[in-house]
Structure formats: structure tokens, C-alpha cells
Protein backbone atom coordinates (compact mmCIF):
# COMPACT_ATOMS: atom_id res chain seq x y z
CA MET A 1 -2.97 34.88 -17.02
CA THR A 2 -5.49 37.12 -15.23
CA GLN A 3 -4.44 38.07 -11.72
CA GLN A 4 -6.86 36.48 -9.24
CA PRO A 5 -8.33 38.76 -6.54
CA TRP A 6 -7.57 38.43 -2.81
CA TYR A 7 -10.54 37.87 -0.49
CA THR A 8 -10.77 38.92 3.16
CA THR A 9 -14.23 37.49 3.76
CA THR A 10 -13.42 34.68 6.22
CA HIS A 11 -16.57 33.78 8.14
CA SER A 12 -15.00 31.33 10.59
CA VAL A 13 -12.10 28.94 11.20
CA LYS A 14 -12.72 25.44 12.54
CA GLY A 15 -9.74 23.17 13.01
CA SER A 16 -7.99 22.93 9.64
CA LEU A 17 -10.96 24.43 7.75
CA ILE A 18 -11.66 28.02 6.71
CA PHE A 19 -15.21 29.09 5.79
CA LEU A 20 -15.42 31.98 3.32
CA GLU A 21 -18.38 33.93 1.95
CA ASP A 22 -19.11 36.62 -0.67
CA LEU A 23 -17.01 34.87 -3.34
CA ASP A 24 -17.26 34.86 -7.11
CA ASN A 25 -18.03 31.27 -8.25
CA PRO A 26 -15.24 29.30 -6.54
CA SER A 27 -14.46 25.88 -8.04
CA TYR A 28 -14.37 22.57 -6.21
CA GLY A 29 -10.86 21.16 -5.81
CA GLU A 30 -8.90 24.26 -6.79
CA THR A 31 -5.89 25.31 -4.74
CA VAL A 32 -5.71 28.53 -2.74
CA THR A 33 -3.04 30.67 -1.10
CA ILE A 34 -3.65 32.04 2.40
CA LYS A 35 -1.70 35.00 3.81
CA ASP A 36 -1.92 36.16 7.39
CA ASP A 37 0.66 38.53 8.90
CA ASN A 38 3.96 37.03 7.69
CA THR A 39 2.61 33.51 7.17
CA THR A 40 1.78 32.00 3.79
CA MET A 41 0.00 28.64 3.51
CA GLN A 42 -1.62 26.55 0.82
CA GLY A 43 -5.07 25.00 0.84
CA GLN A 44 -7.72 23.34 -1.29
CA VAL A 45 -11.43 23.96 -1.82
CA LEU A 46 -13.46 21.12 -0.31
CA GLU A 47 -17.00 22.42 -0.76
CA THR A 48 -18.59 25.28 -2.68
CA THR A 49 -21.82 27.10 -3.45
CA GLN A 50 -22.15 30.05 -5.79
CA ASP A 51 -20.62 32.49 -3.30
CA THR A 52 -19.20 30.42 -0.39
CA ALA A 53 -16.41 27.91 0.02
CA VAL A 54 -14.91 25.58 2.61
CA ILE A 55 -11.11 25.48 2.38
CA GLN A 56 -8.87 22.78 3.77
CA VAL A 57 -5.58 24.32 4.94
CA PHE A 58 -2.28 22.47 4.56
CA GLY A 59 -0.75 23.85 7.72
CA LYS A 60 -1.57 24.94 11.26
CA THR A 61 -4.52 27.34 11.54
CA LEU A 62 -3.86 28.22 15.20
CA GLY A 63 -3.92 31.99 15.48
CA LEU A 64 -5.23 32.51 11.95
CA SER A 65 -7.33 35.70 11.94
CA ARG A 66 -10.52 36.46 10.08
CA ASP A 67 -8.60 39.19 8.24
CA ALA A 68 -6.43 36.63 6.45
CA GLU A 69 -6.22 37.10 2.67
CA VAL A 70 -7.21 34.21 0.42
CA GLN A 71 -6.43 33.93 -3.30
CA PHE A 72 -7.94 31.24 -5.56
CA SER A 73 -5.67 29.72 -8.22
CA GLY A 74 -8.38 28.47 -10.57
CA SER A 75 -6.73 25.03 -10.93
CA ALA A 76 -6.54 21.70 -9.06
CA PRO A 77 -3.46 20.77 -6.98
CA THR A 78 -0.45 19.72 -9.03
CA VAL A 79 2.95 18.15 -8.43
CA ASN A 80 6.14 18.62 -10.42
CA VAL A 81 7.39 15.28 -11.74
CA SER A 82 10.49 14.06 -13.51
CA GLU A 83 12.62 10.95 -13.83
CA ASP A 84 15.18 12.83 -11.75
CA MET A 85 12.99 12.21 -8.66
CA LEU A 86 14.36 8.68 -8.32
CA GLY A 87 16.66 8.49 -5.32
CA LYS A 88 15.15 11.54 -3.61
CA THR A 89 12.84 12.24 -0.68
CA PHE A 90 9.93 14.71 -0.53
CA ASN A 91 7.33 15.79 1.98
CA GLY A 92 3.70 14.73 1.77
CA LEU A 93 2.89 17.47 -0.75
CA GLY A 94 5.72 16.53 -3.11
CA GLU A 95 8.01 19.39 -2.08
CA PRO A 96 11.75 18.72 -1.61
CA ILE A 97 12.68 18.33 2.06
CA GLU A 98 16.20 19.62 1.43
CA GLU A 99 17.73 21.71 -1.34
CA THR A 100 19.75 18.70 -2.47
CA GLU A 101 16.47 16.88 -3.21
CA ALA A 102 15.33 19.48 -5.78
CA HIS A 103 14.74 18.14 -9.28
CA SER A 104 13.86 19.41 -12.73
CA THR A 105 10.29 20.70 -12.77
CA ASP A 106 9.46 20.82 -16.48
CA GLN A 107 6.51 18.42 -16.06
CA GLU A 108 3.47 19.35 -13.95
CA ARG A 109 0.63 16.92 -13.29
CA SER A 110 -2.67 17.10 -11.40
CA ILE A 111 -2.51 14.97 -8.25
CA ASN A 112 -5.94 13.56 -9.12
CA GLY A 113 -4.36 11.77 -12.08
CA SER A 114 -6.28 10.68 -15.15
CA ALA A 115 -8.47 7.59 -14.99
CA ILE A 116 -7.30 4.58 -16.97
CA ASN A 117 -9.76 3.79 -19.75
CA PRO A 118 -11.34 0.44 -18.76
CA ALA A 119 -11.22 -0.68 -22.39
CA ALA A 120 -7.44 -0.10 -22.42
CA ARG A 121 -6.77 -2.20 -19.32
CA THR A 122 -5.31 -5.67 -19.69
CA GLN A 123 -5.39 -8.61 -17.28
CA PRO A 124 -2.40 -8.37 -14.89
CA ASP A 125 -0.34 -11.58 -15.11
CA GLU A 126 3.36 -10.59 -15.18
CA PHE A 127 5.15 -12.00 -12.14
CA ILE A 128 6.95 -9.75 -9.62
CA GLU A 129 9.46 -11.65 -7.49
CA THR A 130 9.60 -10.29 -3.93
CA GLY A 131 12.20 -12.78 -2.64
CA LEU A 132 9.75 -13.91 0.07
CA SER A 133 8.74 -17.57 -0.25
CA VAL A 134 5.26 -17.28 1.23
CA ILE A 135 4.37 -14.39 -1.10
CA ASP A 136 6.08 -15.62 -4.28
CA ASN A 137 4.56 -19.10 -4.05
CA MET A 138 1.28 -18.78 -2.14
CA THR A 139 0.19 -15.11 -2.38
CA THR A 140 1.69 -14.12 -5.69
CA LEU A 141 2.19 -10.47 -6.66
CA VAL A 142 1.81 -9.50 -10.32
CA GLN A 143 2.32 -6.26 -12.22
CA GLY A 144 -0.70 -3.95 -12.06
CA GLN A 145 -2.18 -5.65 -8.98
CA LYS A 146 -3.29 -3.99 -5.75
CA LEU A 147 -2.36 -6.36 -2.92
CA PRO A 148 -2.68 -4.88 0.59
CA ILE A 149 -0.91 -5.98 3.77
CA PHE A 150 -3.22 -6.31 6.79
CA SER A 151 -1.31 -5.84 10.02
CA GLU A 152 -1.91 -4.65 13.57
CA ALA A 153 -0.06 -2.62 16.18
CA GLY A 154 3.20 -4.21 17.27
CA LEU A 155 3.70 -6.35 14.16
CA PRO A 156 6.72 -5.71 11.89
CA HIS A 157 4.88 -4.40 8.82
CA ASN A 158 7.48 -1.64 8.40
CA LYS A 159 10.28 -4.21 8.20
CA LEU A 160 8.24 -6.24 5.71
CA ALA A 161 7.61 -3.14 3.57
CA ALA A 162 11.33 -2.30 3.57
CA GLN A 163 12.19 -5.89 2.65
CA ILE A 164 9.80 -5.90 -0.31
CA ILE A 165 11.19 -2.56 -1.51
CA ARG A 166 14.76 -3.88 -1.28
CA GLN A 167 14.11 -7.25 -2.87
CA ALA A 168 11.36 -6.75 -5.48
CA ASP A 169 12.58 -7.63 -8.97
CA ILE A 170 11.35 -8.19 -12.50
CA PRO A 171 14.15 -9.89 -14.43
CA GLY A 172 15.18 -7.92 -17.50
CA GLU A 173 12.91 -4.94 -16.84
CA ASP A 174 13.25 -1.54 -15.16
CA LEU A 175 11.60 -1.49 -11.74
CA ALA A 176 11.00 1.70 -9.75
CA ILE A 177 9.61 2.07 -6.24
CA VAL A 178 7.34 4.88 -5.05
CA PHE A 179 7.11 4.89 -1.26
CA ALA A 180 4.52 7.02 0.55
CA ALA A 181 4.36 7.13 4.35
CA MET A 182 1.45 8.80 6.15
CA GLY A 183 1.49 9.74 9.82
CA ILE A 184 4.70 7.87 10.69
CA THR A 185 7.09 8.89 13.47
CA ARG A 186 10.53 10.38 12.86
CA ASP A 187 12.12 7.15 14.05
CA GLU A 188 10.13 5.17 11.47
CA ALA A 189 11.08 7.65 8.74
CA ARG A 190 14.74 7.33 9.72
CA PHE A 191 14.44 3.53 9.66
CA PHE A 192 13.12 3.52 6.10
CA GLN A 193 15.73 6.00 4.87
CA ASP A 194 18.57 4.03 6.50
CA GLU A 195 17.28 0.75 5.04
CA PHE A 196 17.00 2.18 1.53
CA THR A 197 20.41 3.85 1.72
CA LYS A 198 22.50 0.96 3.06
CA THR A 199 21.08 -1.53 0.54
CA GLY A 200 21.21 0.75 -2.49
CA ALA A 201 17.44 0.54 -2.99
CA ILE A 202 17.25 4.32 -2.60
CA ASP A 203 18.60 4.79 -6.13
CA ARG A 204 15.38 3.41 -7.62
CA THR A 205 13.01 4.81 -4.96
CA VAL A 206 11.00 8.04 -4.73
CA SER A 207 9.95 8.67 -1.11
CA PHE A 208 7.12 10.89 0.17
CA LEU A 209 7.06 11.32 3.95
CA ASN A 210 4.15 12.75 5.92
CA LEU A 211 5.22 12.63 9.57
CA ALA A 212 2.99 12.31 12.61
CA ASP A 213 3.56 15.96 13.56
CA ASP A 214 2.82 17.24 10.05
CA PRO A 215 -0.67 18.64 9.36
CA SER A 216 -3.07 15.72 9.25
CA VAL A 217 -4.84 17.15 6.20
CA GLU A 218 -1.58 16.85 4.28
CA ARG A 219 -2.08 13.09 4.65
CA LEU A 220 -5.06 13.28 2.29
CA MET A 221 -2.75 14.59 -0.44
CA THR A 222 0.20 12.25 0.08
CA PRO A 223 -1.09 9.05 -1.61
CA ARG A 224 -2.39 11.09 -4.55
CA VAL A 225 0.93 12.88 -5.00
CA ALA A 226 2.74 9.51 -4.83
CA LEU A 227 0.42 7.85 -7.35
CA THR A 228 0.69 10.78 -9.77
CA THR A 229 4.47 10.30 -9.66
CA ALA A 230 4.03 6.54 -10.15
CA GLU A 231 1.75 7.09 -13.16
CA TYR A 232 4.27 9.46 -14.73
CA LEU A 233 7.14 6.98 -14.31
CA ALA A 234 4.99 4.06 -15.54
CA PHE A 235 3.02 5.48 -18.42
CA GLU A 236 5.41 8.17 -19.66
CA GLN A 237 8.83 6.75 -18.74
CA ASP A 238 7.96 3.03 -19.17
CA TYR A 239 8.98 1.87 -15.69
CA ASN A 240 7.23 -0.94 -13.85
CA VAL A 241 6.40 0.84 -10.59
CA VAL A 242 5.62 -0.75 -7.22
CA THR A 243 3.88 1.78 -4.96
CA VAL A 244 3.97 1.09 -1.21
CA LEU A 245 1.46 3.13 0.83
CA THR A 246 1.72 3.04 4.63
CA ASP A 247 -0.32 3.46 6.77
CA MET A 248 -3.77 3.69 5.13
CA THR A 249 -5.40 3.58 8.57
CA ASN A 250 -3.69 6.90 9.38
CA TYR A 251 -5.02 8.25 6.08
CA CYS A 252 -8.58 7.23 6.97
CA GLU A 253 -8.26 8.77 10.45
CA SER A 254 -7.43 12.09 8.77
CA LEU A 255 -10.41 11.63 6.47
CA ARG A 256 -12.62 11.15 9.53
CA GLU A 257 -11.11 14.21 11.21
CA VAL A 258 -11.81 16.47 8.24
CA SER A 259 -15.32 15.06 7.89
CA ALA A 260 -16.03 15.83 11.56
CA SER A 261 -14.75 19.39 11.09
CA ARG A 262 -17.19 19.83 8.23
CA GLU A 263 -19.98 18.54 10.51
CA GLU A 264 -20.94 15.82 8.06
CA ILE A 265 -23.25 13.00 9.12
CA PRO A 266 -20.92 10.18 10.23
CA GLY A 267 -21.12 6.64 8.92
CA ARG A 268 -19.88 3.41 10.47
CA ARG A 269 -17.62 4.06 13.50
CA GLY A 270 -17.59 7.77 12.73
CA TYR A 271 -15.96 7.46 9.30
CA PRO A 272 -17.60 9.41 6.46
CA GLY A 273 -20.06 7.55 4.29
CA TYR A 274 -18.00 8.30 1.18
CA MET A 275 -14.84 6.59 2.50
CA TYR A 276 -15.38 3.61 0.15
CA THR A 277 -15.42 5.97 -2.85
CA ASP A 278 -12.38 7.84 -1.56
CA LEU A 279 -10.36 4.65 -1.10
CA ALA A 280 -11.45 3.37 -4.50
CA GLN A 281 -10.14 6.56 -6.12
CA ILE A 282 -6.73 5.68 -4.69
CA TYR A 283 -6.63 1.90 -5.18
CA GLU A 284 -8.03 1.92 -8.71
CA ARG A 285 -5.05 3.92 -9.91
CA ALA A 286 -3.14 0.64 -10.17
CA GLY A 287 -3.11 -1.25 -13.43
CA VAL A 288 -1.48 -2.14 -16.73
CA THR A 289 -2.69 -1.03 -20.16
CA GLN A 290 -2.45 -2.21 -23.75
CA ASP A 291 -0.65 0.88 -24.98
CA ASN A 292 2.11 1.10 -22.33
CA THR A 293 4.96 -1.16 -21.35
CA GLY A 294 4.98 0.29 -17.82
CA SER A 295 2.64 -0.64 -14.95
CA VAL A 296 1.56 0.61 -11.53
CA THR A 297 1.36 -2.00 -8.76
CA GLN A 298 0.09 -1.07 -5.30
CA ILE A 299 0.93 -2.53 -1.89
CA PRO A 300 -1.16 -0.56 0.63
CA ILE A 301 -0.36 -1.33 4.27
CA LEU A 302 -2.95 -0.84 7.00
CA THR A 303 -3.10 -1.61 10.70
CA MET A 304 -6.29 -3.22 11.97
CA PRO A 305 -7.29 -1.90 15.42
CA SER A 306 -7.16 -4.91 17.80
CA GLY A 307 -6.69 -7.14 14.75
CA ASP A 308 -10.33 -6.62 13.76
CA LYS A 309 -10.82 -7.53 10.07
CA THR A 310 -14.39 -6.13 10.20
CA HIS A 311 -13.08 -2.64 10.99
CA PRO A 312 -14.17 -0.25 8.18
CA VAL A 313 -10.66 0.33 6.81
CA PRO A 314 -9.66 -3.34 6.17
CA ASP A 315 -13.26 -4.23 5.35
CA LEU A 316 -13.61 -1.65 2.56
CA THR A 317 -10.05 -2.24 1.37
CA GLY A 318 -10.82 -5.94 0.95
CA TYR A 319 -13.77 -5.15 -1.32
CA ILE A 320 -11.68 -2.99 -3.66
CA THR A 321 -8.37 -4.83 -3.85
CA GLU A 322 -7.33 -8.19 -5.28
CA GLY A 323 -6.46 -10.14 -2.17
CA GLN A 324 -4.55 -9.49 1.04
CA ILE A 325 -1.40 -10.50 2.91
CA VAL A 326 -2.22 -11.03 6.60
CA LEU A 327 0.28 -10.68 9.45
CA GLU A 328 -0.66 -12.46 12.67
CA ASN A 329 0.37 -12.16 16.31
CA ASP A 330 0.42 -15.93 16.90
CA LEU A 331 3.24 -16.40 14.38
CA GLN A 332 5.08 -13.37 15.73
CA GLN A 333 5.02 -14.95 19.20
CA LYS A 334 6.65 -18.06 17.71
CA ASP A 335 9.45 -15.79 16.45
CA ILE A 336 8.51 -16.43 12.81
CA ASN A 337 9.50 -13.54 10.56
CA PRO A 338 7.82 -12.23 8.57
CA PRO A 339 4.72 -13.46 10.49
CA ILE A 340 2.59 -13.96 7.37
CA ASN A 341 -0.24 -16.46 7.80
CA PRO A 342 -0.93 -18.02 4.37
CA LEU A 343 -4.39 -19.33 5.34
CA PRO A 344 -6.28 -15.99 5.50
CA SER A 345 -3.92 -14.48 2.92
CA LEU A 346 -5.00 -14.51 -0.71
CA SER A 347 -4.01 -13.32 -4.17
CA ARG A 348 -6.81 -13.37 -6.71
CA LEU A 349 -4.43 -13.03 -9.68
CA ASP A 350 -2.16 -15.77 -11.03
CA PRO A 351 1.07 -15.17 -12.96
CA LYS A 352 1.82 -16.79 -16.31
CA GLU A 353 3.44 -20.21 -16.08
CA SER A 354 6.16 -18.99 -18.44
CA ASP A 355 7.16 -16.45 -15.76
CA THR A 356 7.24 -18.99 -12.92
CA SER A 357 6.99 -22.79 -13.22
CA GLU A 358 4.40 -25.29 -14.38
CA ASP A 359 4.13 -26.72 -10.85
CA HIS A 360 3.92 -23.30 -9.16
CA SER A 361 0.14 -23.15 -8.67
CA ALA A 362 -0.26 -26.84 -7.73
CA VAL A 363 2.51 -26.62 -5.12
CA ALA A 364 0.85 -23.55 -3.59
CA ASP A 365 -2.50 -25.39 -3.39
CA GLN A 366 -0.88 -28.43 -1.77
CA LEU A 367 0.99 -26.37 0.82
CA TYR A 368 -2.21 -24.51 1.65
CA ALA A 369 -4.24 -27.73 2.04
CA ALA A 370 -1.55 -29.43 4.14
CA TYR A 371 -1.07 -26.44 6.47
CA ALA A 372 -4.85 -26.10 6.88
CA ARG A 373 -5.02 -29.75 7.93
CA THR A 374 -2.15 -29.14 10.35
CA GLN A 375 -4.11 -26.37 12.03
CA GLU A 376 -7.18 -28.61 12.35
CA LEU A 377 -5.07 -31.36 13.90
CA ARG A 378 -3.48 -28.94 16.37
CA GLU A 379 -6.94 -27.99 17.59
CA LEU A 380 -7.82 -31.69 17.91
CA VAL A 381 -4.62 -32.48 19.80
CA ALA A 382 -5.39 -29.73 22.28
CA VAL A 383 -8.56 -31.69 23.19
CA ILE A 384 -7.60 -35.40 22.94
CA GLY A 385 -3.78 -35.39 22.84
CA GLU A 386 -1.52 -37.01 20.25
CA ASP A 387 -2.07 -40.63 21.30
CA GLY A 388 -5.18 -41.01 19.18
CA LEU A 389 -3.59 -39.74 15.96
CA SER A 390 -2.86 -41.95 12.96
CA ASP A 391 0.54 -42.08 11.30
CA ASP A 392 -0.75 -39.82 8.52
CA ASP A 393 -2.02 -37.30 11.05
CA GLN A 394 1.34 -37.29 12.81
CA ALA A 395 3.07 -36.69 9.47
CA PHE A 396 0.92 -33.59 8.91
CA LEU A 397 1.69 -32.30 12.41
CA ASP A 398 5.40 -32.68 11.73
CA PHE A 399 4.93 -31.02 8.35
CA GLY A 400 3.32 -27.98 10.01
CA ASP A 401 6.29 -27.44 12.33
CA ALA A 402 8.77 -27.81 9.47
CA PHE A 403 6.69 -25.57 7.20
CA GLU A 404 6.74 -22.74 9.76
CA ALA A 405 10.44 -23.16 10.53
CA ASN A 406 11.79 -23.60 7.00
CA PHE A 407 9.28 -21.91 4.67
CA LEU A 408 7.44 -19.16 6.55
CA ASP A 409 10.36 -18.14 8.79
CA GLN A 410 12.80 -16.43 6.49
CA GLY A 411 13.97 -13.37 8.39
CA PHE A 412 14.07 -9.83 7.06
CA ASP A 413 17.50 -10.06 5.42
CA GLU A 414 17.28 -13.27 3.39
CA ARG A 415 16.21 -13.24 -0.25
CA ARG A 416 15.09 -16.47 -1.92
CA ASP A 417 14.51 -16.69 -5.65
CA LEU A 418 11.57 -18.71 -6.95
CA ASP A 419 13.71 -21.79 -7.66
CA GLU A 420 14.85 -21.88 -4.02
CA THR A 421 11.27 -21.38 -2.85
CA LEU A 422 9.91 -24.26 -4.93
CA SER A 423 12.83 -26.50 -3.97
CA THR A 424 12.11 -25.87 -0.27
CA ALA A 425 8.41 -26.50 -0.86
CA TRP A 426 9.07 -29.89 -2.48
CA GLU A 427 11.37 -30.93 0.37
CA LEU A 428 8.45 -30.30 2.75
CA ILE A 429 5.88 -32.03 0.52
CA ARG A 430 8.05 -35.18 0.31
CA THR A 431 7.66 -35.63 4.09
CA LEU A 432 3.92 -36.31 3.56
CA PRO A 433 2.36 -39.62 2.46
CA ARG A 434 2.06 -39.75 -1.31
CA ASP A 435 -1.57 -40.88 -1.25
CA GLN A 436 -2.52 -37.77 0.76
CA LEU A 437 -1.28 -35.30 -1.88
CA ASN A 438 -4.60 -34.69 -3.64
CA LYS A 439 -3.69 -31.27 -5.09
CA LEU A 440 -0.85 -32.55 -7.27
CA GLY A 441 -1.31 -34.38 -10.54
CA GLU A 442 0.24 -37.79 -11.19
CA ASP A 443 2.71 -36.41 -13.74
CA THR A 444 3.85 -33.73 -11.32
CA LEU A 445 4.31 -36.28 -8.54
CA LYS A 446 6.34 -38.59 -10.79
CA GLU A 447 8.62 -35.73 -11.78
CA HIS A 448 9.16 -34.11 -8.38
CA TYR A 449 8.02 -36.47 -5.59
CA ASP A 450 9.24 -39.90 -6.70
């Protein structure tokens, strides 16, 4: 390989960006090495012309001089992957945090991945059991789906993520977890590592940790490194991979920061206009294909500032993904854990009946309708009181309390299989008048209600 020249033509340094001139046809996306005094850092080309380039540095640029030497690699960023990564923890760039985390590096893959041929995609419909009743019955997760969790500050989305990672299961098949954390604190990182270790989930998990005090631009690489690893395990090693990405809001904040450094024209709320495209490049790397037995499933987690669903991050995420799981403060204040509200939550994909049960979908519809009526009645009671309610209305009010206490409230340590979930659901449905159950067919009612 031809030795690449070193350039000392830095024009300026702004934040995490270096502006170079007098170059020889630099390429967009290629990696670079920066040397200054005794410091060596890595970077990536963000923008080019025939003889200039803007470089994003993966490190601190404080004190970086204009005499720094820059060498272009001629290739896009890569990550070393292997099956040996399972059970180990890496930084946001895919580098081992400790020597004991090193792994075989015979396989090298571009972090940009390779797009799945649309003609090779198949409809996701294989059930993934999370052990959480409200998800398994009412907001079902299937292999190859992208199902985000919408949360807000102060809600236990980290505990929920850890619970899903511990409990997720596909009977009879190999399941691997790829966990990528962006901009989390050291305490949060320690929480995840302790949870994975004490439950044994760490043996099937590859973790990538970008901490809050790590360079923010590293955050832009972390989900891509994680998904490249997931694609390798899924499409080359035949694992079914669940990828948990937290927190996508931190990722988008870094995207906005880099955009501001490049002096780009801002879009809505200061985020770059291309944020939709950027998020789509990440989310669309989930899927299942005809030619592979493995799959990549995504659970991105994002925090909505002030619980605002119209904020650009949840808004754009909702357009790209196939539903959402919504955590709400009102349920948290009732000490319901996890505080998942099934009414605004949604999964646009249904599993095969052979994977679940023939009454699975109908039970979910009936629970949804009954809980929605409960909420309407609670608003009515707040105005007129309970004295004016009919017996049927009172039954639905009682159902709502029991539904929250026995179905939604599960705790973060209890795992329920689908049979337990459906059994609990039918116990709740039987407390309602039979003639009010308009989402269940007569045959289903005869078998389960009567």
C-alpha cells in the first residue's frame, strides 16, 4: 500500500473540527490520523472540495496547533468484529476499554454497513418475548422491527432497557444483545454493567459505552459501530440480535453541535435539516432477509424534553420506526413500574398466531378498548362524581384500577411468559359485563369467558 503523505496545512480549528487546505483530492468519509507534539488522535472527513477538507476529530482539540500533521487513510472508518465480542465491553469507537476485553480481529467492517436490498427483505413476524405483559400482549415486538421507547427525564427507561436485555427470549433460537449507550454518566454505565453481570445477560451481550465526558463527536460513531457489529452477528453468524440504543436524544444533540461548528443553516429548533436522513440511516439498518436466518431488531430509547412528543427527535423517530412504547409520569407517580401507558403506545407489526396464541390480538384489542373507556370515565367522574354512573360504568372503573395494579405494574425483576400474561388478561376481562366485550368473537368468549 502506498504511504500517504502528511499535511501541515491546517487553516483553523473550531471546536472539534479542523479545516485544512492545499490537499490532493481528499475523500468524503475517510478516516485521518492527527499528530501534534506527543498526541495522536483519529478523525473523519466531513466535507471536501478538490483541495480542502473539514475533519471531525475524535478527541479534545484544546491546544491543538496549526502545525499539527494530518494523514489521510483513503478508507472509511472500520471496526474489528468477531463472535468473540459477546460478553465484552468497548468504548464508543469499538475499541476495548481494558486489555481483557480484546478479541480476535480477523474481520474488519465499515461502520456504515451495507444496505439491505429491499427485494431481499421479508415481513417481520417472528415473536420476541420480553417477559413484560404490556409489551408482549399490547405492543408486541417482533424480529427485524424497530420499536423505540419514548421517555422523559426522571423516568426509569434505563431500568426498562436493562430488564428487556435480561429477559428477551426467542425459544429455540440463539439471541444476542448489542447495547450502545451514548452520553451516559459513569453511574449509569456502572448500573448497566452490574445488571448484566449479576443476571448472566453479559454473556450474550456486546456493550459499547460513550460516556458523558467522552468527546461528543464520538457519539456520532457509536450507533454505527454497534449496528455494524449487530449486522455481522446476524447476517454472518446467524444470531437474532436485539440492538438497544440509548439515548438517541444525546446523539441528536451531538449532531446539532457538529452542525453548528460547521456553520450550517439550522433547521427546526437548531437541529440540522438533514437529521431525518441521518436517523433513517441508523434505524433502517434493522430487518430480516430471505437469505439469512439471523435478524437485527432495534429498540432505540430517547428522552423527550418536557415530555414533548412534537420535539424533532421523537417526531422524526416516529415517522421512521414501526410504533413506539411510551413511558408516562402519571403512571410513575402511581408507583406503577414500568410506567408504560398502552394507549399512546403502538406496534404496527403483528406476530404469527403460531408463535403466540389465537386469542392474542383480540385480547390486546379488548384491553385497549376497556382501558380507554376507563380513562374517559375517570375524566367524567372528576366533573360529576361517581353517583351518576351506571353499573357497567362502575365495572369499567374497577377494571382500570385492577388493570394498572395487576397487568401494567410488574416491577423490574419479574418475568412473565406469554401464557401468564394472557391468563392475567382474561382474569381482568371476566370482571367486565359480557355484552360490553365487543372486541372478542363469540367463539373466543365461549372458550375463555364462560
